[in-house]
Amino acid sequence: MSDIKEIISKVNGMQGLKEKTIIALQKDIRFDELCKVLESYGYEMKTPKSGSSHCTFRKSGCRPITIPKHEPIKKVYVEMVKQIVESEAINDENLS
């Protein structure tokens, strides 16, 4: 589990999952690291069936997220995952 925390920290530049603000984006995040982050929040990856390089992540009650499986990951996709981490942290705080 500490591996997931390190990756999440790399995605959003914060020291832990419960931080309220996000300091910076990391430019060197890899696709497999983004997958681990999304999966740690309950998203399931659906791989393409016919030659597409885009993977869709789905979670019940949430909008699907489609990310191309390219290196490097574009900043816009890292930003999408960053927003998920922020909203999940806020939800966790509200439940506590």
C-alpha atoms as a PDB file:
ATOM      1  CA  MET A   1       0.000   0.000   0.000  1.00  0.00           C
ATOM      2  CA  SER A   2       2.900   2.379   0.586  1.00  0.00           C
ATOM      3  CA  ASP A   3       3.672   2.045  -3.128  1.00  0.00           C
ATOM      4  CA  ILE A   4       0.235   3.490  -3.938  1.00  0.00           C
ATOM      5  CA  LYS A   5       0.780   6.384  -1.518  1.00  0.00           C
ATOM      6  CA  GLU A   6       4.109   7.176  -3.188  1.00  0.00           C
ATOM      7  CA  ILE A   7       2.505   7.174  -6.619  1.00  0.00           C
ATOM      8  CA  ILE A   8      -0.390   9.349  -5.445  1.00  0.00           C
ATOM      9  CA  SER A   9       2.140  11.697  -3.905  1.00  0.00           C
ATOM     10  CA  LYS A  10       3.956  11.782  -7.233  1.00  0.00           C
ATOM     11  CA  VAL A  11       0.715  12.526  -9.107  1.00  0.00           C
ATOM     12  CA  ASN A  12      -0.277  15.465  -7.006  1.00  0.00           C
ATOM     13  CA  GLY A  13       2.879  16.648  -5.297  1.00  0.00           C
ATOM     14  CA  MET A  14       1.554  16.237  -1.773  1.00  0.00           C
ATOM     15  CA  GLN A  15       2.991  14.304   1.163  1.00  0.00           C
ATOM     16  CA  GLY A  16      -0.105  12.232   2.007  1.00  0.00           C
ATOM     17  CA  LEU A  17      -3.613  11.413   0.893  1.00  0.00           C
ATOM     18  CA  LYS A  18      -5.374  13.726   3.342  1.00  0.00           C
ATOM     19  CA  GLU A  19      -3.754  17.012   2.306  1.00  0.00           C
ATOM     20  CA  LYS A  20      -6.247  19.758   1.416  1.00  0.00           C
ATOM     21  CA  THR A  21      -4.253  21.423  -1.338  1.00  0.00           C
ATOM     22  CA  ILE A  22      -2.207  20.139  -4.206  1.00  0.00           C
ATOM     23  CA  ILE A  23       1.131  21.785  -4.747  1.00  0.00           C
ATOM     24  CA  ALA A  24       2.448  20.656  -8.124  1.00  0.00           C
ATOM     25  CA  LEU A  25       2.065  18.178 -10.939  1.00  0.00           C
ATOM     26  CA  GLN A  26       4.790  15.727 -11.753  1.00  0.00           C
ATOM     27  CA  LYS A  27       5.657  15.528 -15.443  1.00  0.00           C
ATOM     28  CA  ASP A  28       7.307  12.120 -15.263  1.00  0.00           C
ATOM     29  CA  ILE A  29       4.266  10.057 -14.246  1.00  0.00           C
ATOM     30  CA  ARG A  30       3.776   6.839 -16.215  1.00  0.00           C
ATOM     31  CA  PHE A  31       0.563   5.236 -17.459  1.00  0.00           C
ATOM     32  CA  ASP A  32       0.895   2.244 -15.125  1.00  0.00           C
ATOM     33  CA  GLU A  33       1.272   4.602 -12.166  1.00  0.00           C
ATOM     34  CA  LEU A  34      -1.942   6.428 -13.101  1.00  0.00           C
ATOM     35  CA  CYS A  35      -3.648   3.037 -13.372  1.00  0.00           C
ATOM     36  CA  LYS A  36      -2.561   2.134  -9.835  1.00  0.00           C
ATOM     37  CA  VAL A  37      -3.875   5.422  -8.487  1.00  0.00           C
ATOM     38  CA  LEU A  38      -7.269   5.032 -10.163  1.00  0.00           C
ATOM     39  CA  GLU A  39      -7.541   1.391  -9.127  1.00  0.00           C
ATOM     40  CA  SER A  40      -6.746   2.333  -5.520  1.00  0.00           C
ATOM     41  CA  TYR A  41      -9.890   4.516  -5.614  1.00  0.00           C
ATOM     42  CA  GLY A  42     -12.064   1.699  -6.954  1.00  0.00           C
ATOM     43  CA  TYR A  43     -11.880   2.348 -10.686  1.00  0.00           C
ATOM     44  CA  GLU A  44     -11.708  -0.659 -13.004  1.00  0.00           C
ATOM     45  CA  MET A  45      -9.720  -0.477 -16.225  1.00  0.00           C
ATOM     46  CA  LYS A  46     -11.390  -1.664 -19.414  1.00  0.00           C
ATOM     47  CA  THR A  47      -8.869  -2.319 -22.150  1.00  0.00           C
ATOM     48  CA  PRO A  48      -9.802  -1.759 -25.784  1.00  0.00           C
ATOM     49  CA  LYS A  49     -10.993  -4.736 -27.798  1.00  0.00           C
ATOM     50  CA  SER A  50      -9.905  -3.646 -31.233  1.00  0.00           C
ATOM     51  CA  GLY A  51      -6.596  -1.906 -31.668  1.00  0.00           C
ATOM     52  CA  SER A  52      -7.292   1.300 -29.738  1.00  0.00           C
ATOM     53  CA  SER A  53      -4.648   2.634 -27.400  1.00  0.00           C
ATOM     54  CA  HIS A  54      -7.171   4.300 -25.080  1.00  0.00           C
ATOM     55  CA  CYS A  55      -8.173   2.636 -21.800  1.00  0.00           C
ATOM     56  CA  THR A  56     -11.366   3.528 -19.978  1.00  0.00           C
ATOM     57  CA  PHE A  57     -11.599   3.545 -16.196  1.00  0.00           C
ATOM     58  CA  ARG A  58     -15.050   3.069 -14.655  1.00  0.00           C
ATOM     59  CA  LYS A  59     -16.414   3.314 -11.142  1.00  0.00           C
ATOM     60  CA  SER A  60     -20.035   2.972 -10.122  1.00  0.00           C
ATOM     61  CA  GLY A  61     -21.607   6.393  -9.629  1.00  0.00           C
ATOM     62  CA  CYS A  62     -18.752   8.232 -11.355  1.00  0.00           C
ATOM     63  CA  ARG A  63     -18.123   9.404 -14.886  1.00  0.00           C
ATOM     64  CA  PRO A  64     -15.812   7.173 -16.931  1.00  0.00           C
ATOM     65  CA  ILE A  65     -12.283   8.405 -17.589  1.00  0.00           C
ATOM     66  CA  THR A  66     -10.509   7.562 -20.845  1.00  0.00           C
ATOM     67  CA  ILE A  67      -6.729   7.826 -20.937  1.00  0.00           C
ATOM     68  CA  PRO A  68      -4.500   6.993 -23.918  1.00  0.00           C
ATOM     69  CA  LYS A  69      -1.819   4.446 -23.182  1.00  0.00           C
ATOM     70  CA  HIS A  70       1.048   6.608 -24.391  1.00  0.00           C
ATOM     71  CA  GLU A  71       4.301   7.731 -22.822  1.00  0.00           C
ATOM     72  CA  PRO A  72       4.653  10.389 -21.634  1.00  0.00           C
ATOM     73  CA  ILE A  73       1.184  10.995 -20.278  1.00  0.00           C
ATOM     74  CA  LYS A  74      -0.131  14.402 -21.271  1.00  0.00           C
ATOM     75  CA  LYS A  75      -0.672  16.909 -18.507  1.00  0.00           C
ATOM     76  CA  VAL A  76      -4.444  17.041 -19.095  1.00  0.00           C
ATOM     77  CA  TYR A  77      -4.804  13.361 -18.112  1.00  0.00           C
ATOM     78  CA  VAL A  78      -2.621  13.763 -15.042  1.00  0.00           C
ATOM     79  CA  GLU A  79      -4.815  16.731 -14.100  1.00  0.00           C
ATOM     80  CA  MET A  80      -7.942  14.554 -14.405  1.00  0.00           C
ATOM     81  CA  VAL A  81      -6.476  11.981 -12.013  1.00  0.00           C
ATOM     82  CA  LYS A  82      -5.346  14.765  -9.709  1.00  0.00           C
ATOM     83  CA  GLN A  83      -8.953  16.021  -9.501  1.00  0.00           C
ATOM     84  CA  ILE A  84     -10.116  12.522  -8.572  1.00  0.00           C
ATOM     85  CA  VAL A  85      -7.540  12.339  -5.772  1.00  0.00           C
ATOM     86  CA  GLU A  86      -8.699  15.741  -4.482  1.00  0.00           C
ATOM     87  CA  SER A  87     -12.393  14.828  -4.560  1.00  0.00           C
ATOM     88  CA  GLU A  88     -11.758  11.453  -2.896  1.00  0.00           C
ATOM     89  CA  ALA A  89      -9.747  13.164  -0.144  1.00  0.00           C
ATOM     90  CA  ILE A  90     -12.619  15.621   0.433  1.00  0.00           C
ATOM     91  CA  ASN A  91     -15.127  12.736   0.515  1.00  0.00           C
ATOM     92  CA  ASP A  92     -12.953  10.893   3.041  1.00  0.00           C
ATOM     93  CA  GLU A  93     -12.791  13.993   5.243  1.00  0.00           C
ATOM     94  CA  ASN A  94     -16.561  14.445   5.094  1.00  0.00           C
ATOM     95  CA  LEU A  95     -17.103  10.829   6.159  1.00  0.00           C
ATOM     96  CA  SER A  96     -14.763  11.186   9.139  1.00  0.00           C
END
